Amino acid sequence: MENTICLHITLFGYLNNLASEKTMGRDWIEMPFGTTAKDLVEFLGVTRYHLGSIVVNGAMVQPDQMLANGDEIKIVPIVGGG
């Protein structure tokens, strides 16, 4: 479809469990043209309390980063410890 983009998604750690219903075990998902990194994270159900960083094509990006067809996105959870 021309009004959509395909994104390669990799979720790390427990984020896989949070978004399992949205990704259904797929590596690629389709989103509307104009989707931002924040839109994608919200679609996947990852809250700001769980989000560590968003990496697009190997570079860490801000939530307002516009995504493009074929982008490879890695979503990393926040890590804590002590």
C-alpha atoms as a PDB file:
ATOM      1  CA  MET A   1       0.000   0.000   0.000  1.00  0.00           C
ATOM      2  CA  GLU A   2       1.391   3.421  -0.843  1.00  0.00           C
ATOM      3  CA  ASN A   3       0.200   5.190   2.327  1.00  0.00           C
ATOM      4  CA  THR A   4       2.038   2.797   4.606  1.00  0.00           C
ATOM      5  CA  ILE A   5       5.627   1.972   5.503  1.00  0.00           C
ATOM      6  CA  CYS A   6       7.171  -1.364   6.492  1.00  0.00           C
ATOM      7  CA  LEU A   7       9.457  -1.299   9.520  1.00  0.00           C
ATOM      8  CA  HIS A   8      11.834  -3.981  10.782  1.00  0.00           C
ATOM      9  CA  ILE A   9      11.333  -4.117  14.547  1.00  0.00           C
ATOM     10  CA  THR A  10      13.574  -5.628  17.213  1.00  0.00           C
ATOM     11  CA  LEU A  11      12.430  -5.441  20.822  1.00  0.00           C
ATOM     12  CA  PHE A  12      14.864  -6.252  23.587  1.00  0.00           C
ATOM     13  CA  GLY A  13      14.302  -7.913  26.945  1.00  0.00           C
ATOM     14  CA  TYR A  14      10.893  -7.755  28.548  1.00  0.00           C
ATOM     15  CA  LEU A  15       9.639  -5.337  25.891  1.00  0.00           C
ATOM     16  CA  ASN A  16       9.057  -8.393  23.727  1.00  0.00           C
ATOM     17  CA  ASN A  17       6.411  -9.535  26.210  1.00  0.00           C
ATOM     18  CA  LEU A  18       4.782  -6.099  26.412  1.00  0.00           C
ATOM     19  CA  ALA A  19       4.318  -5.817  22.660  1.00  0.00           C
ATOM     20  CA  SER A  20       3.706  -9.462  21.771  1.00  0.00           C
ATOM     21  CA  GLU A  21       0.049  -8.922  20.819  1.00  0.00           C
ATOM     22  CA  LYS A  22       0.942  -6.097  18.409  1.00  0.00           C
ATOM     23  CA  THR A  23       3.896  -7.817  16.752  1.00  0.00           C
ATOM     24  CA  MET A  24       2.548 -11.389  16.870  1.00  0.00           C
ATOM     25  CA  GLY A  25       6.059 -12.764  16.454  1.00  0.00           C
ATOM     26  CA  ARG A  26       6.696 -10.762  13.271  1.00  0.00           C
ATOM     27  CA  ASP A  27       9.904  -8.893  12.563  1.00  0.00           C
ATOM     28  CA  TRP A  28       8.256  -6.511  10.087  1.00  0.00           C
ATOM     29  CA  ILE A  29       5.190  -4.416  10.770  1.00  0.00           C
ATOM     30  CA  GLU A  30       3.239  -1.994   8.614  1.00  0.00           C
ATOM     31  CA  MET A  31       2.481   1.519   9.869  1.00  0.00           C
ATOM     32  CA  PRO A  32       0.912   4.610   8.266  1.00  0.00           C
ATOM     33  CA  PHE A  33       3.122   6.993   6.304  1.00  0.00           C
ATOM     34  CA  GLY A  34       4.168   9.841   8.633  1.00  0.00           C
ATOM     35  CA  THR A  35       4.690   7.584  11.658  1.00  0.00           C
ATOM     36  CA  THR A  36       7.207   8.879  14.191  1.00  0.00           C
ATOM     37  CA  ALA A  37       9.317   6.830  16.590  1.00  0.00           C
ATOM     38  CA  LYS A  38       6.967   7.922  19.384  1.00  0.00           C
ATOM     39  CA  ASP A  39       3.926   6.766  17.391  1.00  0.00           C
ATOM     40  CA  LEU A  40       5.521   3.356  16.905  1.00  0.00           C
ATOM     41  CA  VAL A  41       6.446   2.981  20.576  1.00  0.00           C
ATOM     42  CA  GLU A  42       2.914   3.955  21.632  1.00  0.00           C
ATOM     43  CA  PHE A  43       1.405   1.540  19.091  1.00  0.00           C
ATOM     44  CA  LEU A  44       3.529  -1.253  20.572  1.00  0.00           C
ATOM     45  CA  GLY A  45       2.328  -0.374  24.082  1.00  0.00           C
ATOM     46  CA  VAL A  46       5.746   0.543  25.443  1.00  0.00           C
ATOM     47  CA  THR A  47       5.372   3.272  28.066  1.00  0.00           C
ATOM     48  CA  ARG A  48       7.923   5.952  28.882  1.00  0.00           C
ATOM     49  CA  TYR A  49       8.564   4.110  32.158  1.00  0.00           C
ATOM     50  CA  HIS A  50       9.858   1.110  30.203  1.00  0.00           C
ATOM     51  CA  LEU A  51      11.543   2.851  27.271  1.00  0.00           C
ATOM     52  CA  GLY A  52      15.314   3.203  27.406  1.00  0.00           C
ATOM     53  CA  SER A  53      16.179   4.182  23.842  1.00  0.00           C
ATOM     54  CA  ILE A  54      15.040   4.012  20.237  1.00  0.00           C
ATOM     55  CA  VAL A  55      17.658   3.173  17.629  1.00  0.00           C
ATOM     56  CA  VAL A  56      16.863   3.662  13.934  1.00  0.00           C
ATOM     57  CA  ASN A  57      19.315   2.318  11.365  1.00  0.00           C
ATOM     58  CA  GLY A  58      22.065   2.215  13.986  1.00  0.00           C
ATOM     59  CA  ALA A  59      21.604   5.722  15.404  1.00  0.00           C
ATOM     60  CA  MET A  60      19.808   6.701  18.602  1.00  0.00           C
ATOM     61  CA  VAL A  61      16.892   9.019  17.753  1.00  0.00           C
ATOM     62  CA  GLN A  62      14.479  11.358  19.478  1.00  0.00           C
ATOM     63  CA  PRO A  63      10.793  10.388  19.740  1.00  0.00           C
ATOM     64  CA  ASP A  64       9.774  12.918  17.067  1.00  0.00           C
ATOM     65  CA  GLN A  65      11.998  11.235  14.441  1.00  0.00           C
ATOM     66  CA  MET A  66       9.942  10.486  11.313  1.00  0.00           C
ATOM     67  CA  LEU A  67      10.279   6.862  10.205  1.00  0.00           C
ATOM     68  CA  ALA A  68      10.737   5.737   6.603  1.00  0.00           C
ATOM     69  CA  ASN A  69       9.940   2.599   4.660  1.00  0.00           C
ATOM     70  CA  GLY A  70      12.508  -0.125   5.378  1.00  0.00           C
ATOM     71  CA  ASP A  71      13.894   1.443   8.573  1.00  0.00           C
ATOM     72  CA  GLU A  72      15.401  -0.966  11.080  1.00  0.00           C
ATOM     73  CA  ILE A  73      14.240  -0.038  14.570  1.00  0.00           C
ATOM     74  CA  LYS A  74      15.589  -1.390  17.840  1.00  0.00           C
ATOM     75  CA  ILE A  75      13.685  -0.578  20.998  1.00  0.00           C
ATOM     76  CA  VAL A  76      15.699  -1.004  24.182  1.00  0.00           C
ATOM     77  CA  PRO A  77      14.153  -1.089  27.672  1.00  0.00           C
ATOM     78  CA  ILE A  78      15.288   1.067  30.522  1.00  0.00           C
ATOM     79  CA  VAL A  79      17.785  -0.774  32.679  1.00  0.00           C
ATOM     80  CA  GLY A  80      18.132  -0.251  36.383  1.00  0.00           C
ATOM     81  CA  GLY A  81      20.168  -1.737  39.107  1.00  0.00           C
ATOM     82  CA  GLY A  82      22.095  -0.940  42.093  1.00  0.00           C
END
